[in-house]
N, C-alpha and C. Protein backbone atom coordinates (compact mmCIF):
# COMPACT_ATOMS: atom_id res chain seq x y z
N MET A 1 15.04 -7.71 -2.81
CA MET A 1 14.62 -9.09 -3.05
C MET A 1 14.45 -9.33 -4.55
N GLU A 2 15.05 -10.35 -5.06
CA GLU A 2 14.97 -10.64 -6.49
C GLU A 2 13.63 -11.26 -6.82
N ARG A 3 12.99 -10.72 -7.84
CA ARG A 3 11.66 -11.17 -8.21
C ARG A 3 11.74 -12.34 -9.16
N ASP A 4 10.79 -13.29 -9.01
CA ASP A 4 10.70 -14.41 -9.93
C ASP A 4 10.41 -13.87 -11.33
N PRO A 5 10.80 -14.62 -12.39
CA PRO A 5 10.60 -14.13 -13.76
C PRO A 5 9.14 -13.81 -14.07
N VAL A 6 8.22 -14.58 -13.52
CA VAL A 6 6.80 -14.37 -13.82
C VAL A 6 6.02 -14.19 -12.51
N ILE A 7 5.23 -13.13 -12.45
CA ILE A 7 4.40 -12.84 -11.28
C ILE A 7 3.03 -13.47 -11.49
N ARG A 8 2.65 -14.34 -10.59
CA ARG A 8 1.34 -14.98 -10.65
C ARG A 8 0.31 -14.05 -10.00
N LEU A 9 -0.68 -13.63 -10.81
CA LEU A 9 -1.62 -12.60 -10.37
C LEU A 9 -3.05 -13.12 -10.33
N LEU A 10 -3.76 -12.80 -9.25
CA LEU A 10 -5.19 -13.11 -9.13
C LEU A 10 -5.96 -11.80 -9.16
N LEU A 11 -6.97 -11.71 -10.04
CA LEU A 11 -7.83 -10.52 -10.14
C LEU A 11 -9.11 -10.76 -9.37
N VAL A 12 -9.47 -9.81 -8.50
CA VAL A 12 -10.68 -9.96 -7.69
C VAL A 12 -11.52 -8.69 -7.78
N ASP A 13 -12.67 -8.79 -8.42
CA ASP A 13 -13.59 -7.65 -8.54
C ASP A 13 -14.96 -8.20 -8.91
N ASP A 14 -16.00 -7.64 -8.32
CA ASP A 14 -17.34 -8.15 -8.62
C ASP A 14 -17.86 -7.70 -9.98
N ASP A 15 -17.21 -6.73 -10.60
CA ASP A 15 -17.62 -6.24 -11.91
C ASP A 15 -16.83 -6.97 -13.00
N PRO A 16 -17.51 -7.78 -13.81
CA PRO A 16 -16.78 -8.51 -14.86
C PRO A 16 -16.12 -7.60 -15.88
N LEU A 17 -16.68 -6.40 -16.08
CA LEU A 17 -16.07 -5.48 -17.03
C LEU A 17 -14.73 -4.96 -16.49
N VAL A 18 -14.66 -4.74 -15.18
CA VAL A 18 -13.40 -4.30 -14.58
C VAL A 18 -12.36 -5.41 -14.72
N ARG A 19 -12.77 -6.65 -14.44
CA ARG A 19 -11.82 -7.76 -14.57
C ARG A 19 -11.37 -7.90 -16.02
N ARG A 20 -12.28 -7.73 -16.95
CA ARG A 20 -11.92 -7.82 -18.36
C ARG A 20 -10.95 -6.73 -18.75
N GLY A 21 -11.21 -5.51 -18.27
CA GLY A 21 -10.32 -4.40 -18.58
C GLY A 21 -8.92 -4.62 -18.02
N LEU A 22 -8.85 -5.12 -16.79
CA LEU A 22 -7.55 -5.41 -16.19
C LEU A 22 -6.83 -6.52 -16.94
N SER A 23 -7.59 -7.51 -17.39
CA SER A 23 -6.98 -8.60 -18.17
C SER A 23 -6.37 -8.08 -19.46
N LEU A 24 -7.07 -7.15 -20.11
CA LEU A 24 -6.56 -6.58 -21.35
C LEU A 24 -5.30 -5.75 -21.10
N ILE A 25 -5.31 -5.01 -19.99
CA ILE A 25 -4.16 -4.18 -19.65
C ILE A 25 -2.93 -5.02 -19.32
N LEU A 26 -3.16 -6.08 -18.55
CA LEU A 26 -2.04 -6.85 -18.00
C LEU A 26 -1.65 -8.06 -18.83
N GLY A 27 -2.55 -8.48 -19.70
CA GLY A 27 -2.32 -9.73 -20.43
C GLY A 27 -1.12 -9.71 -21.35
N GLY A 28 -0.70 -8.54 -21.78
CA GLY A 28 0.44 -8.47 -22.70
C GLY A 28 1.79 -8.36 -22.03
N GLU A 29 1.81 -8.33 -20.69
CA GLU A 29 3.07 -8.20 -19.97
C GLU A 29 3.74 -9.58 -19.81
N ARG A 30 4.97 -9.68 -20.26
CA ARG A 30 5.66 -10.98 -20.24
C ARG A 30 5.90 -11.50 -18.84
N ASP A 31 6.05 -10.58 -17.87
CA ASP A 31 6.39 -11.01 -16.52
C ASP A 31 5.19 -11.10 -15.59
N ILE A 32 3.96 -10.98 -16.14
CA ILE A 32 2.75 -11.09 -15.33
C ILE A 32 1.84 -12.14 -15.94
N GLU A 33 1.46 -13.13 -15.15
CA GLU A 33 0.54 -14.17 -15.59
C GLU A 33 -0.72 -14.13 -14.74
N ILE A 34 -1.86 -13.88 -15.38
CA ILE A 34 -3.13 -13.88 -14.65
C ILE A 34 -3.56 -15.34 -14.47
N VAL A 35 -3.46 -15.82 -13.25
CA VAL A 35 -3.72 -17.24 -12.99
C VAL A 35 -5.18 -17.51 -12.66
N GLY A 36 -5.95 -16.44 -12.39
CA GLY A 36 -7.35 -16.67 -12.08
C GLY A 36 -8.08 -15.37 -11.77
N GLU A 37 -9.41 -15.49 -11.64
CA GLU A 37 -10.25 -14.35 -11.30
C GLU A 37 -11.24 -14.78 -10.24
N ALA A 38 -11.74 -13.79 -9.48
CA ALA A 38 -12.77 -14.06 -8.48
C ALA A 38 -13.70 -12.86 -8.43
N ALA A 39 -14.97 -13.12 -8.10
CA ALA A 39 -15.98 -12.07 -8.10
C ALA A 39 -16.32 -11.56 -6.71
N ASP A 40 -15.81 -12.22 -5.68
CA ASP A 40 -16.04 -11.76 -4.31
C ASP A 40 -14.96 -12.34 -3.40
N GLY A 41 -15.01 -11.94 -2.14
CA GLY A 41 -13.97 -12.35 -1.23
C GLY A 41 -13.91 -13.83 -0.94
N VAL A 42 -15.06 -14.47 -0.88
CA VAL A 42 -15.09 -15.92 -0.62
C VAL A 42 -14.42 -16.65 -1.77
N GLU A 43 -14.77 -16.29 -3.00
CA GLU A 43 -14.12 -16.89 -4.18
C GLU A 43 -12.62 -16.61 -4.16
N ALA A 44 -12.24 -15.42 -3.71
CA ALA A 44 -10.82 -15.06 -3.68
C ALA A 44 -10.04 -15.93 -2.71
N GLU A 45 -10.64 -16.22 -1.57
CA GLU A 45 -9.96 -17.08 -0.59
C GLU A 45 -9.74 -18.47 -1.17
N ILE A 46 -10.74 -19.00 -1.84
CA ILE A 46 -10.62 -20.33 -2.44
C ILE A 46 -9.58 -20.32 -3.55
N ALA A 47 -9.64 -19.29 -4.41
CA ALA A 47 -8.71 -19.20 -5.53
C ALA A 47 -7.27 -19.04 -5.05
N THR A 48 -7.09 -18.27 -3.98
CA THR A 48 -5.74 -18.08 -3.44
C THR A 48 -5.18 -19.40 -2.91
N ARG A 49 -6.03 -20.16 -2.26
CA ARG A 49 -5.60 -21.47 -1.76
C ARG A 49 -5.24 -22.41 -2.90
N ASP A 50 -6.06 -22.42 -3.97
CA ASP A 50 -5.86 -23.38 -5.06
C ASP A 50 -4.79 -22.95 -6.06
N LEU A 51 -4.64 -21.63 -6.27
CA LEU A 51 -3.78 -21.14 -7.35
C LEU A 51 -2.45 -20.56 -6.87
N ALA A 52 -2.34 -20.28 -5.57
CA ALA A 52 -1.12 -19.74 -4.98
C ALA A 52 -0.55 -18.55 -5.76
N PRO A 53 -1.33 -17.47 -5.91
CA PRO A 53 -0.81 -16.29 -6.61
C PRO A 53 0.26 -15.59 -5.79
N ASP A 54 1.14 -14.89 -6.48
CA ASP A 54 2.13 -14.05 -5.80
C ASP A 54 1.50 -12.73 -5.35
N VAL A 55 0.60 -12.22 -6.20
CA VAL A 55 -0.05 -10.93 -5.95
C VAL A 55 -1.54 -11.07 -6.18
N VAL A 56 -2.32 -10.46 -5.29
CA VAL A 56 -3.78 -10.38 -5.46
C VAL A 56 -4.15 -8.92 -5.66
N LEU A 57 -4.79 -8.61 -6.78
CA LEU A 57 -5.27 -7.26 -7.07
C LEU A 57 -6.77 -7.27 -6.81
N MET A 58 -7.24 -6.58 -5.76
CA MET A 58 -8.59 -6.81 -5.25
C MET A 58 -9.34 -5.52 -4.95
N ASP A 59 -10.61 -5.52 -5.35
CA ASP A 59 -11.50 -4.40 -5.07
C ASP A 59 -11.77 -4.32 -3.57
N VAL A 60 -11.96 -3.11 -3.07
CA VAL A 60 -12.27 -2.92 -1.65
C VAL A 60 -13.69 -3.36 -1.34
N ARG A 61 -14.65 -2.92 -2.16
CA ARG A 61 -16.07 -3.18 -1.89
C ARG A 61 -16.61 -4.23 -2.85
N MET A 62 -17.10 -5.33 -2.28
CA MET A 62 -17.67 -6.42 -3.07
C MET A 62 -18.80 -7.07 -2.28
N PRO A 63 -19.74 -7.71 -2.98
CA PRO A 63 -20.79 -8.45 -2.28
C PRO A 63 -20.24 -9.73 -1.64
N VAL A 64 -21.04 -10.36 -0.82
CA VAL A 64 -20.71 -11.61 -0.14
C VAL A 64 -19.65 -11.40 0.93
N GLN A 65 -18.46 -10.94 0.49
CA GLN A 65 -17.38 -10.63 1.44
C GLN A 65 -16.50 -9.56 0.84
N ASP A 66 -16.34 -8.46 1.56
CA ASP A 66 -15.59 -7.32 1.01
C ASP A 66 -14.09 -7.61 0.95
N GLY A 67 -13.39 -6.75 0.23
CA GLY A 67 -11.96 -6.96 0.02
C GLY A 67 -11.12 -6.83 1.26
N VAL A 68 -11.52 -5.96 2.19
CA VAL A 68 -10.73 -5.77 3.39
C VAL A 68 -10.82 -6.99 4.30
N THR A 69 -12.02 -7.51 4.50
CA THR A 69 -12.19 -8.73 5.29
C THR A 69 -11.39 -9.87 4.67
N THR A 70 -11.42 -9.95 3.35
CA THR A 70 -10.68 -10.98 2.65
C THR A 70 -9.18 -10.81 2.84
N ALA A 71 -8.71 -9.57 2.72
CA ALA A 71 -7.28 -9.29 2.92
C ALA A 71 -6.84 -9.69 4.32
N GLU A 72 -7.66 -9.35 5.32
CA GLU A 72 -7.32 -9.70 6.70
C GLU A 72 -7.17 -11.22 6.86
N SER A 73 -8.06 -11.95 6.19
CA SER A 73 -8.00 -13.41 6.26
C SER A 73 -6.78 -13.96 5.53
N LEU A 74 -6.54 -13.48 4.31
CA LEU A 74 -5.43 -13.99 3.51
C LEU A 74 -4.08 -13.71 4.16
N LEU A 75 -3.97 -12.55 4.80
CA LEU A 75 -2.68 -12.16 5.37
C LEU A 75 -2.36 -12.90 6.66
N GLN A 76 -3.30 -13.68 7.15
CA GLN A 76 -3.03 -14.52 8.32
C GLN A 76 -2.49 -15.88 7.93
N ARG A 77 -2.45 -16.18 6.63
CA ARG A 77 -1.95 -17.47 6.17
C ARG A 77 -0.43 -17.53 6.30
N PRO A 78 0.12 -18.73 6.38
CA PRO A 78 1.57 -18.88 6.57
C PRO A 78 2.41 -18.22 5.48
N ASP A 79 1.97 -18.30 4.23
CA ASP A 79 2.74 -17.72 3.13
C ASP A 79 1.79 -16.88 2.29
N PRO A 80 1.39 -15.72 2.80
CA PRO A 80 0.35 -14.93 2.11
C PRO A 80 0.86 -14.25 0.85
N PRO A 81 -0.04 -13.98 -0.09
CA PRO A 81 0.35 -13.20 -1.26
C PRO A 81 0.46 -11.73 -0.89
N ALA A 82 1.12 -10.97 -1.73
CA ALA A 82 1.07 -9.51 -1.61
C ALA A 82 -0.30 -9.07 -2.11
N ILE A 83 -0.89 -8.10 -1.44
CA ILE A 83 -2.25 -7.67 -1.80
C ILE A 83 -2.25 -6.19 -2.13
N ILE A 84 -2.81 -5.88 -3.31
CA ILE A 84 -3.03 -4.50 -3.71
C ILE A 84 -4.54 -4.26 -3.72
N MET A 85 -4.99 -3.24 -3.01
CA MET A 85 -6.41 -2.92 -2.99
C MET A 85 -6.72 -1.88 -4.06
N LEU A 86 -7.80 -2.11 -4.77
CA LEU A 86 -8.31 -1.15 -5.74
C LEU A 86 -9.39 -0.32 -5.05
N THR A 87 -9.28 0.99 -5.14
CA THR A 87 -10.23 1.84 -4.44
C THR A 87 -10.66 3.00 -5.33
N THR A 88 -11.75 3.65 -4.93
CA THR A 88 -12.18 4.87 -5.59
C THR A 88 -11.52 6.04 -4.87
N PHE A 89 -11.93 7.25 -5.22
CA PHE A 89 -11.29 8.43 -4.64
C PHE A 89 -11.55 8.54 -3.15
N HIS A 90 -12.71 8.05 -2.69
CA HIS A 90 -13.09 8.21 -1.30
C HIS A 90 -12.31 7.25 -0.40
N VAL A 91 -11.83 7.75 0.72
CA VAL A 91 -11.12 6.94 1.70
C VAL A 91 -11.92 6.90 2.99
N ASP A 92 -12.10 5.73 3.55
CA ASP A 92 -12.86 5.60 4.79
C ASP A 92 -12.22 4.58 5.71
N ASP A 93 -12.98 4.11 6.69
CA ASP A 93 -12.43 3.17 7.68
C ASP A 93 -11.96 1.86 7.05
N LEU A 94 -12.55 1.46 5.92
CA LEU A 94 -12.12 0.23 5.27
C LEU A 94 -10.67 0.32 4.82
N VAL A 95 -10.29 1.48 4.31
CA VAL A 95 -8.91 1.68 3.86
C VAL A 95 -7.96 1.56 5.04
N LEU A 96 -8.30 2.21 6.15
CA LEU A 96 -7.45 2.17 7.32
C LEU A 96 -7.35 0.76 7.89
N ARG A 97 -8.45 0.02 7.86
CA ARG A 97 -8.43 -1.37 8.31
C ARG A 97 -7.48 -2.21 7.47
N ALA A 98 -7.53 -2.01 6.17
CA ALA A 98 -6.68 -2.80 5.28
C ALA A 98 -5.21 -2.50 5.51
N LEU A 99 -4.88 -1.23 5.71
CA LEU A 99 -3.50 -0.88 5.99
C LEU A 99 -3.04 -1.49 7.30
N ALA A 100 -3.92 -1.48 8.30
CA ALA A 100 -3.57 -2.09 9.58
C ALA A 100 -3.34 -3.58 9.43
N ALA A 101 -4.08 -4.21 8.51
CA ALA A 101 -3.93 -5.65 8.29
C ALA A 101 -2.63 -5.99 7.59
N GLY A 102 -2.07 -5.02 6.86
CA GLY A 102 -0.78 -5.25 6.21
C GLY A 102 -0.83 -5.41 4.71
N VAL A 103 -1.84 -4.81 4.04
CA VAL A 103 -1.85 -4.90 2.58
C VAL A 103 -0.64 -4.17 2.02
N SER A 104 -0.23 -4.57 0.83
CA SER A 104 1.01 -4.05 0.25
C SER A 104 0.81 -2.78 -0.54
N GLY A 105 -0.43 -2.50 -0.96
CA GLY A 105 -0.61 -1.31 -1.77
C GLY A 105 -2.06 -0.90 -1.91
N TYR A 106 -2.23 0.36 -2.29
CA TYR A 106 -3.53 0.94 -2.58
C TYR A 106 -3.39 1.77 -3.83
N ILE A 107 -4.19 1.48 -4.85
CA ILE A 107 -4.17 2.30 -6.06
C ILE A 107 -5.59 2.60 -6.47
N LEU A 108 -5.76 3.70 -7.18
CA LEU A 108 -7.08 4.11 -7.64
C LEU A 108 -7.52 3.28 -8.83
N LYS A 109 -8.83 3.07 -8.93
CA LYS A 109 -9.35 2.28 -10.04
C LYS A 109 -9.11 2.95 -11.38
N ASP A 110 -9.00 4.27 -11.39
CA ASP A 110 -8.78 4.97 -12.66
C ASP A 110 -7.30 5.26 -12.90
N ALA A 111 -6.43 4.57 -12.19
CA ALA A 111 -4.99 4.77 -12.39
C ALA A 111 -4.59 4.38 -13.80
N ALA A 112 -3.58 5.04 -14.33
CA ALA A 112 -3.08 4.73 -15.66
C ALA A 112 -2.54 3.30 -15.69
N PRO A 113 -2.68 2.61 -16.84
CA PRO A 113 -2.20 1.22 -16.94
C PRO A 113 -0.78 1.02 -16.48
N ASP A 114 0.11 1.95 -16.83
CA ASP A 114 1.51 1.77 -16.43
C ASP A 114 1.68 1.84 -14.92
N LYS A 115 0.81 2.61 -14.25
CA LYS A 115 0.87 2.69 -12.79
C LYS A 115 0.43 1.37 -12.15
N VAL A 116 -0.59 0.76 -12.73
CA VAL A 116 -1.07 -0.53 -12.22
C VAL A 116 0.02 -1.59 -12.38
N ILE A 117 0.61 -1.63 -13.56
CA ILE A 117 1.68 -2.60 -13.84
C ILE A 117 2.86 -2.39 -12.91
N ALA A 118 3.25 -1.12 -12.73
CA ALA A 118 4.38 -0.81 -11.86
C ALA A 118 4.08 -1.21 -10.42
N ALA A 119 2.83 -1.01 -9.98
CA ALA A 119 2.45 -1.37 -8.61
C ALA A 119 2.56 -2.88 -8.39
N ILE A 120 2.11 -3.66 -9.37
CA ILE A 120 2.19 -5.12 -9.26
C ILE A 120 3.64 -5.56 -9.15
N ARG A 121 4.49 -5.00 -9.98
CA ARG A 121 5.91 -5.36 -9.93
C ARG A 121 6.55 -4.94 -8.62
N SER A 122 6.18 -3.77 -8.12
CA SER A 122 6.78 -3.27 -6.89
C SER A 122 6.42 -4.14 -5.69
N VAL A 123 5.13 -4.47 -5.54
CA VAL A 123 4.75 -5.27 -4.37
C VAL A 123 5.30 -6.68 -4.48
N SER A 124 5.47 -7.17 -5.72
CA SER A 124 6.09 -8.47 -5.90
C SER A 124 7.54 -8.45 -5.44
N ASP A 125 8.17 -7.29 -5.55
CA ASP A 125 9.55 -7.10 -5.09
C ASP A 125 9.63 -6.78 -3.60
N GLY A 126 8.47 -6.73 -2.94
CA GLY A 126 8.46 -6.44 -1.52
C GLY A 126 8.42 -4.97 -1.17
N GLU A 127 8.09 -4.12 -2.16
CA GLU A 127 8.05 -2.68 -1.92
C GLU A 127 6.60 -2.20 -1.89
N PRO A 128 6.13 -1.65 -0.76
CA PRO A 128 4.75 -1.18 -0.67
C PRO A 128 4.48 -0.06 -1.65
N VAL A 129 3.23 0.03 -2.11
CA VAL A 129 2.84 1.05 -3.09
C VAL A 129 1.55 1.70 -2.63
N MET A 130 1.53 3.03 -2.70
CA MET A 130 0.28 3.73 -2.44
C MET A 130 0.19 4.93 -3.37
N SER A 131 -0.93 5.05 -4.08
CA SER A 131 -1.14 6.21 -4.92
C SER A 131 -1.00 7.47 -4.08
N PRO A 132 -0.27 8.49 -4.55
CA PRO A 132 -0.13 9.72 -3.76
C PRO A 132 -1.47 10.32 -3.36
N THR A 133 -2.47 10.24 -4.26
CA THR A 133 -3.79 10.78 -3.93
C THR A 133 -4.40 10.03 -2.77
N VAL A 134 -4.32 8.71 -2.81
CA VAL A 134 -4.85 7.90 -1.71
C VAL A 134 -4.05 8.17 -0.44
N ALA A 135 -2.73 8.29 -0.58
CA ALA A 135 -1.88 8.52 0.60
C ALA A 135 -2.30 9.79 1.32
N ARG A 136 -2.55 10.84 0.58
CA ARG A 136 -2.94 12.11 1.22
C ARG A 136 -4.23 11.94 2.01
N GLN A 137 -5.22 11.27 1.40
CA GLN A 137 -6.51 11.10 2.07
C GLN A 137 -6.38 10.20 3.30
N VAL A 138 -5.63 9.12 3.15
CA VAL A 138 -5.46 8.18 4.26
C VAL A 138 -4.74 8.86 5.42
N ILE A 139 -3.69 9.59 5.11
CA ILE A 139 -2.93 10.26 6.16
C ILE A 139 -3.80 11.30 6.86
N THR A 140 -4.60 12.03 6.10
CA THR A 140 -5.50 13.01 6.71
C THR A 140 -6.47 12.34 7.66
N ALA A 141 -7.03 11.22 7.22
CA ALA A 141 -7.99 10.50 8.07
C ALA A 141 -7.32 9.89 9.28
N ALA A 142 -6.14 9.33 9.06
CA ALA A 142 -5.46 8.61 10.13
C ALA A 142 -4.87 9.54 11.18
N THR A 143 -4.54 10.75 10.80
CA THR A 143 -3.87 11.64 11.74
C THR A 143 -4.81 12.63 12.40
N ALA A 144 -6.10 12.46 12.22
CA ALA A 144 -7.06 13.32 12.90
C ALA A 144 -6.96 13.06 14.41
N GLY A 145 -6.92 14.13 15.19
CA GLY A 145 -6.85 13.96 16.64
C GLY A 145 -5.44 14.20 17.15
N THR A 146 -5.28 14.13 18.44
CA THR A 146 -3.98 14.37 19.06
C THR A 146 -3.65 13.26 20.05
N ALA A 147 -2.38 13.11 20.34
CA ALA A 147 -1.94 12.07 21.25
C ALA A 147 -1.84 12.62 22.68
N ASP A 148 -1.95 11.72 23.66
CA ASP A 148 -1.74 12.14 25.05
C ASP A 148 -0.24 12.24 25.33
N GLY A 149 0.11 12.66 26.55
CA GLY A 149 1.51 12.88 26.88
C GLY A 149 2.37 11.65 26.75
N ALA A 150 1.87 10.50 27.21
CA ALA A 150 2.66 9.28 27.15
C ALA A 150 2.90 8.86 25.70
N ALA A 151 1.85 8.96 24.89
CA ALA A 151 1.99 8.59 23.48
C ALA A 151 2.96 9.53 22.78
N ARG A 152 2.93 10.80 23.18
CA ARG A 152 3.86 11.77 22.57
C ARG A 152 5.31 11.42 22.90
N GLU A 153 5.56 11.04 24.13
CA GLU A 153 6.92 10.69 24.52
C GLU A 153 7.39 9.42 23.81
N ARG A 154 6.50 8.45 23.66
CA ARG A 154 6.87 7.22 22.95
C ARG A 154 7.19 7.51 21.49
N ALA A 155 6.37 8.37 20.87
CA ALA A 155 6.59 8.70 19.46
C ALA A 155 7.90 9.44 19.28
N ARG A 156 8.18 10.38 20.18
CA ARG A 156 9.44 11.14 20.08
C ARG A 156 10.65 10.23 20.29
N ALA A 157 10.53 9.29 21.20
CA ALA A 157 11.62 8.34 21.43
C ALA A 157 11.85 7.49 20.20
N ALA A 158 10.76 7.07 19.54
CA ALA A 158 10.90 6.25 18.33
C ALA A 158 11.56 7.04 17.22
N LEU A 159 11.23 8.33 17.13
CA LEU A 159 11.79 9.16 16.05
C LEU A 159 13.22 9.58 16.31
N ASP A 160 13.71 9.40 17.53
CA ASP A 160 15.09 9.77 17.86
C ASP A 160 16.11 8.99 17.05
N VAL A 161 15.71 7.84 16.51
CA VAL A 161 16.66 7.03 15.72
C VAL A 161 16.91 7.63 14.35
N LEU A 162 16.09 8.60 13.95
CA LEU A 162 16.22 9.19 12.62
C LEU A 162 17.24 10.32 12.62
N THR A 163 17.95 10.44 11.51
CA THR A 163 18.84 11.58 11.32
C THR A 163 18.00 12.82 11.01
N PRO A 164 18.57 14.02 11.11
CA PRO A 164 17.80 15.23 10.77
C PRO A 164 17.21 15.17 9.36
N ARG A 165 17.96 14.66 8.38
CA ARG A 165 17.43 14.56 7.02
C ARG A 165 16.29 13.56 6.95
N GLU A 166 16.45 12.43 7.62
CA GLU A 166 15.37 11.43 7.63
C GLU A 166 14.12 11.99 8.30
N LEU A 167 14.30 12.78 9.35
CA LEU A 167 13.16 13.38 10.03
C LEU A 167 12.46 14.38 9.12
N ASP A 168 13.24 15.15 8.36
CA ASP A 168 12.64 16.09 7.40
C ASP A 168 11.77 15.34 6.39
N VAL A 169 12.29 14.22 5.89
CA VAL A 169 11.53 13.43 4.92
C VAL A 169 10.28 12.84 5.58
N ALA A 170 10.41 12.37 6.82
CA ALA A 170 9.27 11.80 7.54
C ALA A 170 8.17 12.84 7.72
N VAL A 171 8.55 14.07 8.03
CA VAL A 171 7.56 15.14 8.18
C VAL A 171 6.83 15.39 6.86
N GLU A 172 7.58 15.38 5.76
CA GLU A 172 6.94 15.57 4.45
C GLU A 172 6.00 14.40 4.13
N ILE A 173 6.40 13.20 4.49
CA ILE A 173 5.52 12.05 4.30
C ILE A 173 4.23 12.25 5.07
N SER A 174 4.33 12.77 6.29
CA SER A 174 3.13 12.98 7.10
C SER A 174 2.19 14.00 6.49
N ARG A 175 2.71 14.82 5.59
CA ARG A 175 1.88 15.81 4.89
C ARG A 175 1.28 15.25 3.61
N GLY A 176 1.58 13.97 3.34
CA GLY A 176 1.03 13.32 2.15
C GLY A 176 1.80 13.58 0.88
N ALA A 177 3.04 14.05 1.00
CA ALA A 177 3.84 14.37 -0.19
C ALA A 177 4.35 13.11 -0.87
N SER A 178 4.37 13.14 -2.19
CA SER A 178 4.95 12.05 -2.97
C SER A 178 6.47 12.18 -2.95
N ASN A 179 7.17 11.17 -3.44
CA ASN A 179 8.63 11.23 -3.48
C ASN A 179 9.12 12.42 -4.30
N ALA A 180 8.45 12.67 -5.42
CA ALA A 180 8.86 13.79 -6.28
C ALA A 180 8.64 15.12 -5.57
N GLU A 181 7.54 15.24 -4.84
CA GLU A 181 7.27 16.48 -4.11
C GLU A 181 8.27 16.68 -2.98
N ILE A 182 8.62 15.60 -2.29
CA ILE A 182 9.61 15.70 -1.22
C ILE A 182 10.95 16.14 -1.79
N ALA A 183 11.34 15.56 -2.91
CA ALA A 183 12.60 15.93 -3.55
C ALA A 183 12.64 17.42 -3.88
N ALA A 184 11.52 17.93 -4.42
CA ALA A 184 11.47 19.35 -4.79
C ALA A 184 11.52 20.25 -3.56
N ARG A 185 10.81 19.87 -2.51
CA ARG A 185 10.75 20.70 -1.31
C ARG A 185 12.07 20.72 -0.54
N LEU A 186 12.78 19.60 -0.55
CA LEU A 186 14.02 19.49 0.23
C LEU A 186 15.27 19.66 -0.63
N PHE A 187 15.08 19.90 -1.94
CA PHE A 187 16.19 20.15 -2.86
C PHE A 187 17.17 18.96 -2.91
N ILE A 188 16.60 17.78 -3.02
CA ILE A 188 17.39 16.56 -3.17
C ILE A 188 16.81 15.76 -4.32
N SER A 189 17.50 14.72 -4.75
CA SER A 189 17.03 13.93 -5.87
C SER A 189 15.95 12.94 -5.42
N VAL A 190 15.15 12.49 -6.38
CA VAL A 190 14.14 11.49 -6.08
C VAL A 190 14.79 10.20 -5.59
N ALA A 191 15.93 9.86 -6.18
CA ALA A 191 16.65 8.65 -5.76
C ALA A 191 17.07 8.74 -4.30
N THR A 192 17.50 9.94 -3.89
CA THR A 192 17.88 10.14 -2.48
C THR A 192 16.65 10.00 -1.59
N VAL A 193 15.53 10.54 -2.04
CA VAL A 193 14.29 10.40 -1.25
C VAL A 193 13.93 8.93 -1.08
N LYS A 194 13.98 8.18 -2.17
CA LYS A 194 13.63 6.76 -2.10
C LYS A 194 14.53 6.01 -1.12
N ALA A 195 15.82 6.29 -1.19
CA ALA A 195 16.76 5.63 -0.28
C ALA A 195 16.49 6.04 1.17
N THR A 196 16.17 7.30 1.36
CA THR A 196 15.88 7.79 2.71
C THR A 196 14.61 7.16 3.26
N VAL A 197 13.58 7.07 2.44
CA VAL A 197 12.32 6.44 2.87
C VAL A 197 12.56 4.99 3.27
N THR A 198 13.38 4.29 2.50
CA THR A 198 13.71 2.90 2.83
C THR A 198 14.37 2.81 4.19
N ARG A 199 15.30 3.72 4.48
CA ARG A 199 15.97 3.72 5.79
C ARG A 199 14.98 4.03 6.91
N ILE A 200 14.06 4.96 6.64
CA ILE A 200 13.04 5.29 7.65
C ILE A 200 12.18 4.08 7.95
N PHE A 201 11.76 3.38 6.90
CA PHE A 201 10.96 2.16 7.10
C PHE A 201 11.70 1.17 7.99
N LEU A 202 12.99 0.97 7.70
CA LEU A 202 13.78 0.01 8.47
C LEU A 202 13.91 0.44 9.92
N LYS A 203 14.21 1.70 10.12
CA LYS A 203 14.44 2.19 11.49
C LYS A 203 13.15 2.20 12.32
N LEU A 204 12.03 2.52 11.68
CA LEU A 204 10.76 2.57 12.42
C LEU A 204 10.01 1.25 12.34
N GLU A 205 10.62 0.26 11.68
CA GLU A 205 10.06 -1.09 11.58
C GLU A 205 8.63 -1.06 11.04
N THR A 206 8.49 -0.42 9.89
CA THR A 206 7.19 -0.35 9.23
C THR A 206 7.40 -0.50 7.74
N ASP A 207 6.29 -0.62 7.00
CA ASP A 207 6.40 -0.70 5.55
C ASP A 207 5.35 0.18 4.87
N ASN A 208 4.80 1.15 5.63
CA ASN A 208 3.84 2.05 4.98
C ASN A 208 3.94 3.46 5.54
N ARG A 209 3.51 4.42 4.75
CA ARG A 209 3.67 5.83 5.09
C ARG A 209 2.70 6.29 6.17
N VAL A 210 1.60 5.60 6.30
CA VAL A 210 0.61 6.01 7.30
C VAL A 210 1.20 5.86 8.70
N THR A 211 1.92 4.78 8.94
CA THR A 211 2.55 4.59 10.25
C THR A 211 3.51 5.73 10.56
N ILE A 212 4.27 6.14 9.56
CA ILE A 212 5.19 7.26 9.75
C ILE A 212 4.41 8.53 10.08
N ALA A 213 3.32 8.76 9.36
CA ALA A 213 2.50 9.95 9.61
C ALA A 213 1.94 9.95 11.03
N LEU A 214 1.54 8.79 11.49
CA LEU A 214 1.00 8.68 12.85
C LEU A 214 2.07 9.00 13.89
N ARG A 215 3.32 8.52 13.65
CA ARG A 215 4.41 8.81 14.59
C ARG A 215 4.68 10.32 14.63
N ILE A 216 4.68 10.94 13.47
CA ILE A 216 4.92 12.38 13.41
C ILE A 216 3.82 13.13 14.14
N ARG A 217 2.58 12.73 13.93
CA ARG A 217 1.45 13.38 14.61
C ARG A 217 1.57 13.22 16.11
N ASP A 218 1.81 11.96 16.56
CA ASP A 218 1.87 11.69 17.99
C ASP A 218 3.02 12.46 18.66
N ALA A 219 4.09 12.68 17.90
CA ALA A 219 5.24 13.40 18.45
C ALA A 219 4.98 14.90 18.51
N GLY A 220 3.89 15.36 17.90
CA GLY A 220 3.55 16.77 17.91
C GLY A 220 4.40 17.60 16.97
N LEU A 221 4.95 16.95 15.93
CA LEU A 221 5.77 17.68 14.96
C LEU A 221 4.88 18.28 13.88
N PRO A 222 5.35 19.32 13.21
CA PRO A 222 4.51 19.99 12.18
C PRO A 222 4.34 19.13 10.96
């Protein structure tokens, strides 16, 4: 999908220093325009309605209304923005709820500036983003437990559409591996991994790695 020349961005965080820091990081990018800020989820809903941002960069935990509840509400709108959640190292049920709601990305608050900028551009292009560190924690939390026989058969049937190479990549994803790690383990290029992940997303009708990890777990694969 071709991205518009300028990405309209809304910053949402209850800490004014965090918003200021993000403004300084992002303000010099020619293709990113910060159209507004909000200090909680209620303000974010109003700002999204009034300012029509392309991307919302939002803290998970905020007073008045948390980021996950806000994301769930925004993503029910007819033309929702892409949403990137800002999180700390800890992953809990809020993270899993947000992924289930359909947020476009999760990045750590201490991520390098170039990672934040790249994430905004990626989700604007329709490509989900998740910090590898967050991905590992989310996948570990999401894949705890085992599936019953019926769920196992459904998962295996769903995975039958994958080629052997795609299945190898899916298994590595379920282990929380980044694209670079998958490339090294399977002796293929990062570009090949990216293309393979895209095909897996299309075939399994998903846009995030956690769903793939759940399918692998339910199928009883290593």
